[in-house]
């Protein structure tokens, strides 16, 4: 379990749940690890997300705070983090990718 002072996160083979007080919300990822939905303990969808192929958020519903979106990467104050690298809010597109060795 990881604690960021707002939420505690439960991990198994990946991020499983977000815990705040007595509320637990479970992550439903796609094959890439992107958060497609957060559900509550009863199985009701609390938040839902839809991304384009480059990771830009097309639409979302719900009001539950969630820092982990496309490819399971953390989003903080409009910027996203990808490993040790980050961005000022833009999702990567092919022209933004670093050259391959």
N, C-alpha and C. Protein backbone atom coordinates (compact mmCIF):
# COMPACT_ATOMS: atom_id res chain seq x y z
N UNK A 1 0.85 -1.17 0.00
CA UNK A 1 0.00 0.00 0.00
C UNK A 1 0.89 1.23 0.00
N UNK A 2 0.53 2.22 -0.79
CA UNK A 2 1.26 3.47 -0.89
C UNK A 2 0.35 4.58 -0.42
N UNK A 3 0.87 5.52 0.37
CA UNK A 3 0.08 6.60 0.94
C UNK A 3 0.63 7.93 0.43
N UNK A 4 -0.22 8.75 -0.24
CA UNK A 4 0.24 10.06 -0.70
C UNK A 4 -0.39 11.20 0.09
N UNK A 5 -0.86 10.93 1.30
CA UNK A 5 -1.48 11.86 2.24
C UNK A 5 -2.91 12.22 1.87
N UNK A 6 -3.36 11.98 0.66
CA UNK A 6 -4.76 12.18 0.28
C UNK A 6 -5.42 10.82 0.10
N UNK A 7 -4.74 9.95 -0.62
CA UNK A 7 -5.24 8.61 -0.89
C UNK A 7 -4.19 7.59 -0.50
N UNK A 8 -4.66 6.41 -0.22
CA UNK A 8 -3.78 5.25 -0.10
C UNK A 8 -4.08 4.40 -1.32
N UNK A 9 -3.06 3.79 -1.89
CA UNK A 9 -3.23 2.98 -3.09
C UNK A 9 -2.87 1.54 -2.78
N UNK A 10 -3.70 0.63 -3.25
CA UNK A 10 -3.48 -0.80 -3.06
C UNK A 10 -2.93 -1.35 -4.37
N UNK A 11 -1.83 -2.08 -4.28
CA UNK A 11 -1.17 -2.65 -5.46
C UNK A 11 -1.13 -4.17 -5.37
N UNK A 12 -1.24 -4.82 -6.51
CA UNK A 12 -1.03 -6.25 -6.65
C UNK A 12 -0.07 -6.37 -7.82
N UNK A 13 -0.53 -6.88 -8.96
CA UNK A 13 0.29 -6.86 -10.17
C UNK A 13 0.27 -5.48 -10.82
N UNK A 14 -0.56 -4.61 -10.33
CA UNK A 14 -0.70 -3.24 -10.78
C UNK A 14 -1.49 -2.49 -9.73
N UNK A 15 -1.91 -1.28 -10.05
CA UNK A 15 -2.72 -0.50 -9.13
C UNK A 15 -4.12 -1.09 -9.10
N UNK A 16 -4.58 -1.45 -7.93
CA UNK A 16 -5.88 -2.10 -7.79
C UNK A 16 -6.94 -1.14 -7.28
N UNK A 17 -6.60 -0.36 -6.25
CA UNK A 17 -7.62 0.46 -5.61
C UNK A 17 -7.04 1.74 -5.04
N UNK A 18 -7.94 2.68 -4.83
CA UNK A 18 -7.66 3.97 -4.21
C UNK A 18 -8.53 4.02 -2.95
N UNK A 19 -7.93 4.31 -1.80
CA UNK A 19 -8.67 4.33 -0.54
C UNK A 19 -8.55 5.72 0.08
N UNK A 20 -9.68 6.28 0.49
CA UNK A 20 -9.71 7.57 1.17
C UNK A 20 -10.74 7.47 2.28
N UNK A 21 -10.27 7.53 3.52
CA UNK A 21 -11.19 7.36 4.64
C UNK A 21 -11.81 5.98 4.59
N UNK A 22 -13.13 5.92 4.53
CA UNK A 22 -13.82 4.62 4.46
C UNK A 22 -14.21 4.26 3.03
N UNK A 23 -13.94 5.14 2.07
CA UNK A 23 -14.32 4.88 0.67
C UNK A 23 -13.19 4.20 -0.08
N UNK A 24 -13.54 3.15 -0.82
CA UNK A 24 -12.58 2.45 -1.68
C UNK A 24 -13.11 2.47 -3.10
N UNK A 25 -12.25 2.86 -4.04
CA UNK A 25 -12.60 2.86 -5.46
C UNK A 25 -11.59 1.99 -6.18
N UNK A 26 -12.09 1.14 -7.06
CA UNK A 26 -11.26 0.17 -7.77
C UNK A 26 -11.01 0.63 -9.20
N UNK A 27 -9.77 0.42 -9.67
CA UNK A 27 -9.38 0.79 -11.03
C UNK A 27 -9.76 -0.32 -12.01
N UNK A 28 -10.33 0.07 -13.14
CA UNK A 28 -10.58 -0.85 -14.25
C UNK A 28 -9.70 -0.39 -15.41
N UNK A 29 -8.53 -1.03 -15.60
CA UNK A 29 -7.62 -0.62 -16.67
C UNK A 29 -7.90 -1.36 -17.97
N UNK A 30 -7.42 -0.78 -19.07
CA UNK A 30 -7.44 -1.50 -20.34
C UNK A 30 -6.10 -2.24 -20.48
N UNK A 31 -5.84 -2.83 -21.63
CA UNK A 31 -4.62 -3.60 -21.84
C UNK A 31 -3.35 -2.78 -21.78
N UNK A 32 -3.45 -1.47 -21.98
CA UNK A 32 -2.30 -0.58 -21.92
C UNK A 32 -2.04 -0.10 -20.49
N UNK A 33 -3.02 -0.31 -19.62
CA UNK A 33 -2.90 0.18 -18.24
C UNK A 33 -3.61 1.49 -18.01
N UNK A 34 -4.29 2.01 -19.06
CA UNK A 34 -5.04 3.25 -18.91
C UNK A 34 -6.26 3.01 -18.03
N UNK A 35 -6.57 3.98 -17.19
CA UNK A 35 -7.76 3.88 -16.36
C UNK A 35 -8.98 4.11 -17.25
N UNK A 36 -9.80 3.09 -17.40
CA UNK A 36 -11.02 3.22 -18.18
C UNK A 36 -12.19 3.61 -17.28
N UNK A 37 -12.12 3.19 -16.00
CA UNK A 37 -13.17 3.53 -15.06
C UNK A 37 -12.68 3.33 -13.63
N UNK A 38 -13.34 4.02 -12.71
CA UNK A 38 -13.21 3.77 -11.29
C UNK A 38 -14.58 3.28 -10.84
N UNK A 39 -14.60 2.21 -10.06
CA UNK A 39 -15.88 1.71 -9.56
C UNK A 39 -15.84 1.71 -8.04
N UNK A 40 -17.02 1.78 -7.42
CA UNK A 40 -17.08 1.72 -5.97
C UNK A 40 -17.22 0.28 -5.51
N UNK A 41 -17.32 0.09 -4.20
CA UNK A 41 -17.37 -1.26 -3.64
C UNK A 41 -18.60 -2.04 -4.10
N UNK A 42 -19.66 -1.34 -4.51
CA UNK A 42 -20.88 -2.01 -4.99
C UNK A 42 -20.79 -2.35 -6.48
N UNK A 43 -19.72 -1.90 -7.15
CA UNK A 43 -19.56 -2.17 -8.58
C UNK A 43 -20.13 -1.10 -9.48
N UNK A 44 -20.61 0.00 -8.91
CA UNK A 44 -21.16 1.09 -9.71
C UNK A 44 -20.01 1.94 -10.27
N UNK A 45 -20.13 2.34 -11.52
CA UNK A 45 -19.11 3.19 -12.15
C UNK A 45 -19.20 4.59 -11.55
N UNK A 46 -18.09 5.05 -10.99
CA UNK A 46 -18.01 6.37 -10.37
C UNK A 46 -17.42 7.37 -11.36
N UNK A 47 -16.37 6.98 -12.07
CA UNK A 47 -15.73 7.79 -13.12
C UNK A 47 -15.53 6.90 -14.34
N UNK A 48 -15.60 7.49 -15.53
CA UNK A 48 -15.30 6.77 -16.77
C UNK A 48 -14.46 7.69 -17.65
N UNK A 49 -13.53 7.09 -18.41
CA UNK A 49 -12.58 7.85 -19.23
C UNK A 49 -12.52 7.28 -20.64
N UNK A 50 -12.31 8.17 -21.63
CA UNK A 50 -12.10 7.76 -23.02
C UNK A 50 -10.95 8.59 -23.57
N UNK A 51 -9.96 7.92 -24.17
CA UNK A 51 -8.74 8.57 -24.67
C UNK A 51 -8.62 8.39 -26.18
N UNK A 52 -7.91 9.34 -26.84
CA UNK A 52 -7.58 9.11 -28.23
C UNK A 52 -6.31 8.26 -28.28
N UNK A 53 -5.83 7.92 -29.47
CA UNK A 53 -4.69 7.00 -29.60
C UNK A 53 -3.40 7.57 -29.04
N UNK A 54 -3.30 8.89 -28.87
CA UNK A 54 -2.09 9.49 -28.31
C UNK A 54 -2.23 9.78 -26.82
N UNK A 55 -3.37 9.45 -26.24
CA UNK A 55 -3.53 9.62 -24.81
C UNK A 55 -4.28 10.86 -24.38
N UNK A 56 -4.69 11.70 -25.32
CA UNK A 56 -5.47 12.88 -24.94
C UNK A 56 -6.84 12.41 -24.45
N UNK A 57 -7.29 12.97 -23.37
CA UNK A 57 -8.58 12.61 -22.81
C UNK A 57 -9.68 13.16 -23.70
N UNK A 58 -10.47 12.27 -24.31
CA UNK A 58 -11.59 12.70 -25.16
C UNK A 58 -12.80 13.08 -24.33
N UNK A 59 -13.08 12.26 -23.32
CA UNK A 59 -14.22 12.55 -22.46
C UNK A 59 -14.04 11.84 -21.13
N UNK A 60 -14.67 12.39 -20.13
CA UNK A 60 -14.67 11.74 -18.82
C UNK A 60 -15.96 12.10 -18.10
N UNK A 61 -16.38 11.21 -17.23
CA UNK A 61 -17.54 11.46 -16.40
C UNK A 61 -17.16 11.16 -14.97
N UNK A 62 -17.85 11.76 -14.04
CA UNK A 62 -17.61 11.51 -12.63
C UNK A 62 -16.82 12.62 -11.98
N UNK A 63 -16.84 12.61 -10.65
CA UNK A 63 -16.18 13.67 -9.89
C UNK A 63 -15.17 13.14 -8.88
N UNK A 64 -14.97 11.84 -8.82
CA UNK A 64 -13.99 11.27 -7.89
C UNK A 64 -12.59 11.65 -8.35
N UNK A 65 -11.79 12.19 -7.44
CA UNK A 65 -10.41 12.56 -7.77
C UNK A 65 -9.64 11.32 -8.20
N UNK A 66 -8.85 11.46 -9.27
CA UNK A 66 -8.04 10.35 -9.77
C UNK A 66 -6.82 10.93 -10.48
N UNK A 67 -5.64 10.56 -10.01
CA UNK A 67 -4.39 11.08 -10.59
C UNK A 67 -3.84 10.21 -11.71
N UNK A 68 -4.40 9.03 -11.92
CA UNK A 68 -3.81 8.07 -12.86
C UNK A 68 -4.74 7.85 -14.04
N UNK A 69 -4.28 8.23 -15.23
CA UNK A 69 -5.14 8.16 -16.41
C UNK A 69 -4.50 7.34 -17.51
N UNK A 70 -4.11 7.97 -18.63
CA UNK A 70 -3.61 7.25 -19.80
C UNK A 70 -2.36 6.45 -19.46
N UNK A 71 -2.36 5.18 -19.84
CA UNK A 71 -1.25 4.25 -19.60
C UNK A 71 -0.90 4.17 -18.12
N UNK A 72 -1.85 4.52 -17.26
CA UNK A 72 -1.63 4.45 -15.83
C UNK A 72 -0.69 5.51 -15.30
N UNK A 73 -0.40 6.53 -16.13
CA UNK A 73 0.55 7.57 -15.72
C UNK A 73 -0.14 8.61 -14.85
N UNK A 74 0.64 9.20 -13.98
CA UNK A 74 0.12 10.17 -13.03
C UNK A 74 -0.04 11.54 -13.68
N UNK A 75 -1.18 12.17 -13.43
CA UNK A 75 -1.47 13.51 -13.90
C UNK A 75 -1.53 14.40 -12.67
N UNK A 76 -0.80 15.51 -12.70
CA UNK A 76 -0.74 16.39 -11.53
C UNK A 76 -0.81 17.83 -12.01
N UNK A 77 -1.86 18.54 -11.64
CA UNK A 77 -2.03 19.95 -11.98
C UNK A 77 -1.89 20.21 -13.49
N UNK A 78 -2.47 19.33 -14.30
CA UNK A 78 -2.48 19.53 -15.74
C UNK A 78 -1.25 19.00 -16.45
N UNK A 79 -0.25 18.55 -15.72
CA UNK A 79 0.94 17.97 -16.33
C UNK A 79 0.90 16.47 -16.07
N UNK A 80 1.50 15.71 -16.93
CA UNK A 80 1.53 14.26 -16.73
C UNK A 80 2.96 13.81 -16.56
N UNK A 81 3.12 12.67 -15.90
CA UNK A 81 4.44 12.12 -15.66
C UNK A 81 4.54 10.77 -16.35
N UNK A 82 5.65 10.55 -17.04
CA UNK A 82 5.89 9.25 -17.67
C UNK A 82 7.27 8.81 -17.21
N UNK A 83 7.29 7.94 -16.20
CA UNK A 83 8.56 7.53 -15.62
C UNK A 83 9.25 8.75 -15.03
N UNK A 84 10.52 8.95 -15.37
CA UNK A 84 11.26 10.09 -14.85
C UNK A 84 11.03 11.35 -15.67
N UNK A 85 10.37 11.20 -16.84
CA UNK A 85 10.12 12.35 -17.71
C UNK A 85 8.72 12.86 -17.49
N UNK A 86 8.50 14.09 -17.85
CA UNK A 86 7.17 14.66 -17.71
C UNK A 86 6.88 15.62 -18.83
N UNK A 87 5.75 16.29 -18.71
CA UNK A 87 5.33 17.22 -19.74
C UNK A 87 4.54 18.33 -19.08
N UNK A 88 4.49 19.46 -19.72
CA UNK A 88 3.73 20.59 -19.22
C UNK A 88 2.27 20.52 -19.56
N UNK A 89 1.73 19.36 -19.75
CA UNK A 89 0.31 19.22 -19.99
C UNK A 89 -0.04 18.62 -21.32
N UNK A 90 0.89 18.62 -22.27
CA UNK A 90 0.61 18.02 -23.57
C UNK A 90 0.86 16.53 -23.53
N UNK A 91 -0.02 15.80 -24.15
CA UNK A 91 0.21 14.36 -24.30
C UNK A 91 1.18 14.16 -25.46
N UNK A 92 1.95 13.10 -25.45
CA UNK A 92 2.91 12.88 -26.53
C UNK A 92 2.21 12.59 -27.85
N UNK A 93 2.75 13.11 -28.91
CA UNK A 93 2.31 12.79 -30.26
C UNK A 93 3.55 12.30 -31.00
N UNK A 94 3.42 11.71 -32.17
CA UNK A 94 4.60 11.15 -32.84
C UNK A 94 5.74 12.15 -33.01
N UNK A 95 5.44 13.41 -33.30
CA UNK A 95 6.53 14.37 -33.51
C UNK A 95 7.21 14.77 -32.20
N UNK A 96 6.64 14.43 -31.04
CA UNK A 96 7.23 14.76 -29.75
C UNK A 96 8.09 13.64 -29.20
N UNK A 97 8.08 12.49 -29.83
CA UNK A 97 8.81 11.34 -29.31
C UNK A 97 10.31 11.52 -29.52
N UNK A 98 11.11 11.09 -28.54
CA UNK A 98 12.56 11.18 -28.72
C UNK A 98 13.02 10.21 -29.80
N UNK A 99 14.12 10.53 -30.48
CA UNK A 99 14.62 9.61 -31.51
C UNK A 99 15.05 8.30 -30.90
N UNK A 100 14.85 7.23 -31.63
CA UNK A 100 15.26 5.91 -31.16
C UNK A 100 16.70 5.65 -31.56
N UNK A 101 17.49 5.04 -30.67
CA UNK A 101 18.90 4.76 -31.00
C UNK A 101 19.03 3.74 -32.10
